[in-house]
Amino acid sequence: MPGEERHALPGSRAGLAAALIHLLLLGVTVVLILDSREDAWTGHWFVFLALDFPVSLGVIPVAWLVPPSPQGPLSDLSNFWWPLAYHAIVGTGWWYIVGWTIGRSLRPGTGES
């Protein structure tokens, strides 16, 4: 309708930038995990507990209840594949929304009074 302000998520440059940065950090984390020679490779996911909070709480019940696979990350559904999929989908979506909100609040004339 004319004169009505639209608040659509699609097309947010700030949201897209935040989501792409999140995916880049996720990619770096995966490389660190796969390059890790230590048995405590699951510790690399702790960064995403803080980064994706509060949506990261959905990954804790599965990842923390199952010990890491002795065959390494690529054979570990609970500690590698589940956090990777969760953070890639839910975490990246979260950061798109955060970026969209920040971008919207910084635009002149769209802030709440």
N, C-alpha and C. Protein backbone atom coordinates (compact mmCIF):
# COMPACT_ATOMS: atom_id res chain seq x y z
N MET A 1 0.84 -1.17 0.00
CA MET A 1 0.00 0.00 0.00
C MET A 1 0.89 1.24 0.00
N PRO A 2 0.44 2.32 -0.64
CA PRO A 2 1.23 3.54 -0.67
C PRO A 2 1.43 4.12 0.73
N GLY A 3 2.66 4.57 0.99
CA GLY A 3 2.99 5.17 2.27
C GLY A 3 3.29 4.17 3.39
N GLU A 4 3.11 2.89 3.11
CA GLU A 4 3.36 1.86 4.12
C GLU A 4 4.81 1.41 4.03
N GLU A 5 5.48 1.35 5.18
CA GLU A 5 6.88 0.94 5.21
C GLU A 5 6.98 -0.57 5.17
N ARG A 6 7.86 -1.10 4.31
CA ARG A 6 8.06 -2.55 4.20
C ARG A 6 9.27 -2.96 5.00
N HIS A 7 9.19 -4.11 5.64
CA HIS A 7 10.29 -4.65 6.44
C HIS A 7 10.58 -6.07 5.99
N ALA A 8 11.03 -6.23 4.77
CA ALA A 8 11.31 -7.57 4.25
C ALA A 8 12.77 -7.92 4.49
N LEU A 9 13.01 -9.15 4.85
CA LEU A 9 14.39 -9.62 5.04
C LEU A 9 15.16 -9.74 3.73
N PRO A 10 14.59 -10.27 2.66
CA PRO A 10 15.37 -10.49 1.45
C PRO A 10 15.99 -9.19 0.92
N GLY A 11 17.21 -9.30 0.44
CA GLY A 11 17.87 -8.18 -0.19
C GLY A 11 18.65 -7.29 0.76
N SER A 12 18.88 -7.70 1.98
CA SER A 12 19.63 -6.89 2.93
C SER A 12 21.12 -7.05 2.69
N ARG A 13 21.78 -5.96 2.37
CA ARG A 13 23.23 -6.02 2.15
C ARG A 13 23.97 -6.31 3.45
N ALA A 14 23.53 -5.69 4.53
CA ALA A 14 24.17 -5.92 5.83
C ALA A 14 23.95 -7.37 6.28
N GLY A 15 22.74 -7.88 6.05
CA GLY A 15 22.45 -9.27 6.40
C GLY A 15 23.29 -10.24 5.59
N LEU A 16 23.41 -9.95 4.30
CA LEU A 16 24.22 -10.80 3.43
C LEU A 16 25.69 -10.76 3.84
N ALA A 17 26.19 -9.57 4.19
CA ALA A 17 27.59 -9.45 4.62
C ALA A 17 27.82 -10.25 5.91
N ALA A 18 26.91 -10.11 6.87
CA ALA A 18 27.07 -10.85 8.13
C ALA A 18 27.01 -12.36 7.90
N ALA A 19 26.10 -12.81 7.04
CA ALA A 19 25.99 -14.24 6.74
C ALA A 19 27.24 -14.76 6.03
N LEU A 20 27.79 -14.00 5.11
CA LEU A 20 28.99 -14.43 4.39
C LEU A 20 30.21 -14.47 5.32
N ILE A 21 30.32 -13.51 6.23
CA ILE A 21 31.41 -13.54 7.20
C ILE A 21 31.28 -14.77 8.10
N HIS A 22 30.05 -15.08 8.49
CA HIS A 22 29.81 -16.26 9.31
C HIS A 22 30.24 -17.53 8.56
N LEU A 23 29.87 -17.64 7.30
CA LEU A 23 30.25 -18.82 6.51
C LEU A 23 31.77 -18.90 6.34
N LEU A 24 32.42 -17.75 6.18
CA LEU A 24 33.88 -17.73 6.07
C LEU A 24 34.52 -18.24 7.36
N LEU A 25 34.03 -17.76 8.51
CA LEU A 25 34.55 -18.24 9.80
C LEU A 25 34.28 -19.73 10.00
N LEU A 26 33.14 -20.18 9.53
CA LEU A 26 32.81 -21.60 9.61
C LEU A 26 33.78 -22.42 8.75
N GLY A 27 34.08 -21.93 7.56
CA GLY A 27 35.04 -22.61 6.69
C GLY A 27 36.43 -22.69 7.31
N VAL A 28 36.87 -21.60 7.94
CA VAL A 28 38.17 -21.59 8.61
C VAL A 28 38.17 -22.61 9.76
N THR A 29 37.06 -22.67 10.50
CA THR A 29 36.96 -23.62 11.60
C THR A 29 37.03 -25.06 11.10
N VAL A 30 36.38 -25.35 10.01
CA VAL A 30 36.43 -26.70 9.43
C VAL A 30 37.86 -27.05 9.02
N VAL A 31 38.56 -26.11 8.41
CA VAL A 31 39.96 -26.36 8.03
C VAL A 31 40.80 -26.62 9.27
N LEU A 32 40.59 -25.84 10.33
CA LEU A 32 41.34 -26.05 11.57
C LEU A 32 41.05 -27.42 12.17
N ILE A 33 39.80 -27.83 12.13
CA ILE A 33 39.43 -29.15 12.66
C ILE A 33 40.09 -30.26 11.85
N LEU A 34 40.02 -30.16 10.54
CA LEU A 34 40.58 -31.22 9.68
C LEU A 34 42.10 -31.25 9.74
N ASP A 35 42.72 -30.11 10.02
CA ASP A 35 44.18 -30.05 10.15
C ASP A 35 44.66 -30.40 11.56
N SER A 36 43.74 -30.48 12.49
CA SER A 36 44.10 -30.70 13.88
C SER A 36 44.73 -32.07 14.09
N ARG A 37 45.82 -32.08 14.79
CA ARG A 37 46.49 -33.34 15.11
C ARG A 37 46.22 -33.75 16.55
N GLU A 38 45.44 -32.95 17.22
CA GLU A 38 45.14 -33.24 18.62
C GLU A 38 43.83 -34.01 18.74
N ASP A 39 43.68 -34.70 19.85
CA ASP A 39 42.45 -35.46 20.09
C ASP A 39 41.28 -34.55 20.47
N ALA A 40 41.57 -33.34 20.90
CA ALA A 40 40.54 -32.42 21.35
C ALA A 40 40.06 -31.50 20.22
N TRP A 41 39.92 -32.03 19.01
CA TRP A 41 39.50 -31.21 17.87
C TRP A 41 38.09 -30.66 18.04
N THR A 42 37.28 -31.27 18.88
CA THR A 42 35.92 -30.77 19.09
C THR A 42 35.92 -29.40 19.76
N GLY A 43 37.02 -29.03 20.41
CA GLY A 43 37.12 -27.73 21.07
C GLY A 43 37.03 -26.55 20.12
N HIS A 44 37.29 -26.78 18.83
CA HIS A 44 37.19 -25.70 17.85
C HIS A 44 35.75 -25.18 17.72
N TRP A 45 34.77 -25.99 18.08
CA TRP A 45 33.36 -25.57 17.99
C TRP A 45 32.98 -24.59 19.08
N PHE A 46 33.78 -24.46 20.15
CA PHE A 46 33.44 -23.56 21.26
C PHE A 46 33.30 -22.11 20.79
N VAL A 47 34.05 -21.71 19.78
CA VAL A 47 33.95 -20.36 19.24
C VAL A 47 32.51 -20.09 18.79
N PHE A 48 31.90 -21.10 18.18
CA PHE A 48 30.55 -20.91 17.65
C PHE A 48 29.48 -20.94 18.74
N LEU A 49 29.79 -21.47 19.91
CA LEU A 49 28.83 -21.37 21.01
C LEU A 49 28.61 -19.91 21.37
N ALA A 50 29.69 -19.15 21.40
CA ALA A 50 29.58 -17.72 21.70
C ALA A 50 29.10 -16.93 20.48
N LEU A 51 29.67 -17.24 19.33
CA LEU A 51 29.36 -16.48 18.11
C LEU A 51 27.88 -16.60 17.71
N ASP A 52 27.32 -17.77 17.81
CA ASP A 52 25.94 -18.00 17.38
C ASP A 52 24.93 -18.00 18.54
N PHE A 53 25.36 -17.57 19.71
CA PHE A 53 24.45 -17.55 20.85
C PHE A 53 23.29 -16.59 20.57
N PRO A 54 22.08 -16.94 20.86
CA PRO A 54 21.55 -18.05 21.62
C PRO A 54 21.17 -19.27 20.77
N VAL A 55 21.21 -19.14 19.45
CA VAL A 55 20.77 -20.27 18.63
C VAL A 55 21.73 -21.45 18.71
N SER A 56 22.96 -21.22 19.16
CA SER A 56 23.93 -22.31 19.29
C SER A 56 23.54 -23.31 20.37
N LEU A 57 22.63 -22.95 21.23
CA LEU A 57 22.21 -23.87 22.29
C LEU A 57 21.58 -25.14 21.73
N GLY A 58 21.10 -25.10 20.50
CA GLY A 58 20.51 -26.28 19.87
C GLY A 58 21.51 -27.36 19.51
N VAL A 59 22.78 -27.04 19.50
CA VAL A 59 23.80 -28.01 19.13
C VAL A 59 24.37 -28.71 20.36
N ILE A 60 24.25 -28.11 21.52
CA ILE A 60 24.87 -28.64 22.74
C ILE A 60 24.39 -30.04 23.12
N PRO A 61 23.10 -30.30 23.16
CA PRO A 61 22.67 -31.62 23.65
C PRO A 61 23.26 -32.79 22.88
N VAL A 62 23.40 -32.67 21.60
CA VAL A 62 23.94 -33.78 20.81
C VAL A 62 25.46 -33.84 20.91
N ALA A 63 26.11 -32.71 20.68
CA ALA A 63 27.56 -32.70 20.58
C ALA A 63 28.26 -32.98 21.91
N TRP A 64 27.68 -32.58 23.03
CA TRP A 64 28.38 -32.74 24.29
C TRP A 64 28.09 -34.05 25.00
N LEU A 65 27.13 -34.80 24.53
CA LEU A 65 26.79 -36.05 25.19
C LEU A 65 27.49 -37.26 24.57
N VAL A 66 28.08 -37.08 23.41
CA VAL A 66 28.70 -38.19 22.69
C VAL A 66 30.20 -37.93 22.59
N PRO A 67 31.03 -38.88 22.99
CA PRO A 67 32.48 -38.66 22.86
C PRO A 67 32.91 -38.62 21.39
N PRO A 68 34.00 -37.92 21.10
CA PRO A 68 34.48 -37.84 19.72
C PRO A 68 34.84 -39.21 19.16
N SER A 69 34.65 -39.38 17.88
CA SER A 69 34.98 -40.64 17.21
C SER A 69 36.49 -40.82 17.16
N PRO A 70 36.97 -42.02 17.49
CA PRO A 70 38.42 -42.27 17.39
C PRO A 70 38.93 -42.24 15.95
N GLN A 71 38.03 -42.39 14.98
CA GLN A 71 38.44 -42.34 13.57
C GLN A 71 38.62 -40.92 13.06
N GLY A 72 38.29 -39.92 13.86
CA GLY A 72 38.46 -38.53 13.46
C GLY A 72 37.16 -37.85 13.08
N PRO A 73 37.26 -36.58 12.72
CA PRO A 73 36.06 -35.77 12.49
C PRO A 73 35.16 -36.25 11.35
N LEU A 74 35.73 -36.70 10.26
CA LEU A 74 34.90 -37.07 9.11
C LEU A 74 34.02 -38.28 9.37
N SER A 75 34.35 -39.07 10.40
CA SER A 75 33.49 -40.20 10.75
C SER A 75 32.64 -39.92 11.98
N ASP A 76 32.52 -38.67 12.35
CA ASP A 76 31.82 -38.32 13.58
C ASP A 76 30.57 -37.48 13.28
N LEU A 77 29.43 -38.15 13.24
CA LEU A 77 28.17 -37.47 12.95
C LEU A 77 27.82 -36.48 14.06
N SER A 78 27.93 -36.88 15.31
CA SER A 78 27.48 -36.05 16.43
C SER A 78 28.38 -34.85 16.71
N ASN A 79 29.67 -34.99 16.51
CA ASN A 79 30.60 -33.94 16.90
C ASN A 79 31.18 -33.14 15.73
N PHE A 80 30.98 -33.60 14.51
CA PHE A 80 31.47 -32.83 13.36
C PHE A 80 30.33 -32.47 12.41
N TRP A 81 29.66 -33.45 11.88
CA TRP A 81 28.64 -33.19 10.86
C TRP A 81 27.43 -32.46 11.42
N TRP A 82 26.96 -32.84 12.61
CA TRP A 82 25.80 -32.15 13.21
C TRP A 82 26.12 -30.68 13.51
N PRO A 83 27.22 -30.36 14.22
CA PRO A 83 27.52 -28.94 14.45
C PRO A 83 27.76 -28.17 13.15
N LEU A 84 28.42 -28.81 12.18
CA LEU A 84 28.67 -28.14 10.91
C LEU A 84 27.36 -27.79 10.21
N ALA A 85 26.46 -28.74 10.09
CA ALA A 85 25.17 -28.48 9.43
C ALA A 85 24.35 -27.45 10.21
N TYR A 86 24.33 -27.61 11.53
CA TYR A 86 23.54 -26.71 12.37
C TYR A 86 24.04 -25.26 12.26
N HIS A 87 25.35 -25.08 12.41
CA HIS A 87 25.89 -23.72 12.36
C HIS A 87 25.82 -23.16 10.94
N ALA A 88 25.97 -24.01 9.92
CA ALA A 88 25.89 -23.53 8.55
C ALA A 88 24.48 -23.03 8.22
N ILE A 89 23.46 -23.72 8.70
CA ILE A 89 22.09 -23.34 8.37
C ILE A 89 21.51 -22.36 9.40
N VAL A 90 21.44 -22.79 10.64
CA VAL A 90 20.79 -21.97 11.68
C VAL A 90 21.67 -20.76 12.05
N GLY A 91 22.96 -21.00 12.25
CA GLY A 91 23.85 -19.90 12.62
C GLY A 91 23.97 -18.84 11.53
N THR A 92 24.09 -19.27 10.29
CA THR A 92 24.18 -18.32 9.18
C THR A 92 22.87 -17.56 9.03
N GLY A 93 21.75 -18.23 9.19
CA GLY A 93 20.45 -17.56 9.16
C GLY A 93 20.33 -16.54 10.27
N TRP A 94 20.81 -16.90 11.46
CA TRP A 94 20.80 -15.99 12.60
C TRP A 94 21.60 -14.72 12.28
N TRP A 95 22.79 -14.90 11.70
CA TRP A 95 23.61 -13.73 11.40
C TRP A 95 23.06 -12.90 10.25
N TYR A 96 22.31 -13.53 9.35
CA TYR A 96 21.62 -12.73 8.32
C TYR A 96 20.61 -11.80 9.00
N ILE A 97 19.85 -12.35 9.94
CA ILE A 97 18.83 -11.55 10.65
C ILE A 97 19.49 -10.46 11.49
N VAL A 98 20.60 -10.78 12.18
CA VAL A 98 21.32 -9.79 12.97
C VAL A 98 21.83 -8.67 12.06
N GLY A 99 22.44 -9.03 10.95
CA GLY A 99 22.94 -8.01 10.00
C GLY A 99 21.83 -7.17 9.42
N TRP A 100 20.72 -7.81 9.09
CA TRP A 100 19.56 -7.08 8.55
C TRP A 100 19.05 -6.07 9.58
N THR A 101 18.99 -6.49 10.84
CA THR A 101 18.50 -5.62 11.91
C THR A 101 19.45 -4.44 12.11
N ILE A 102 20.74 -4.70 12.12
CA ILE A 102 21.72 -3.62 12.28
C ILE A 102 21.65 -2.67 11.09
N GLY A 103 21.62 -3.22 9.89
CA GLY A 103 21.54 -2.39 8.70
C GLY A 103 20.29 -1.54 8.68
N ARG A 104 19.18 -2.11 9.10
CA ARG A 104 17.91 -1.39 9.12
C ARG A 104 17.94 -0.26 10.16
N SER A 105 18.56 -0.53 11.30
CA SER A 105 18.60 0.49 12.36
C SER A 105 19.56 1.63 12.00
N LEU A 106 20.53 1.39 11.14
CA LEU A 106 21.48 2.43 10.75
C LEU A 106 20.98 3.30 9.61
N ARG A 107 19.95 2.82 8.90
CA ARG A 107 19.39 3.61 7.80
C ARG A 107 18.62 4.80 8.35
N PRO A 108 18.83 5.98 7.79
CA PRO A 108 18.10 7.15 8.28
C PRO A 108 16.59 7.00 8.04
N GLY A 109 15.83 7.41 9.03
CA GLY A 109 14.38 7.40 8.88
C GLY A 109 13.71 6.07 9.16
N THR A 110 14.46 5.04 9.53
CA THR A 110 13.84 3.75 9.80
C THR A 110 13.95 3.32 11.26
N GLY A 111 14.62 4.13 12.06
CA GLY A 111 14.79 3.79 13.48
C GLY A 111 13.48 4.00 14.25
N GLU A 112 13.38 3.28 15.34
CA GLU A 112 12.21 3.42 16.21
C GLU A 112 12.35 4.71 17.01
N SER A 113 11.28 5.42 17.21
CA SER A 113 11.33 6.67 17.99
C SER A 113 10.85 6.43 19.39
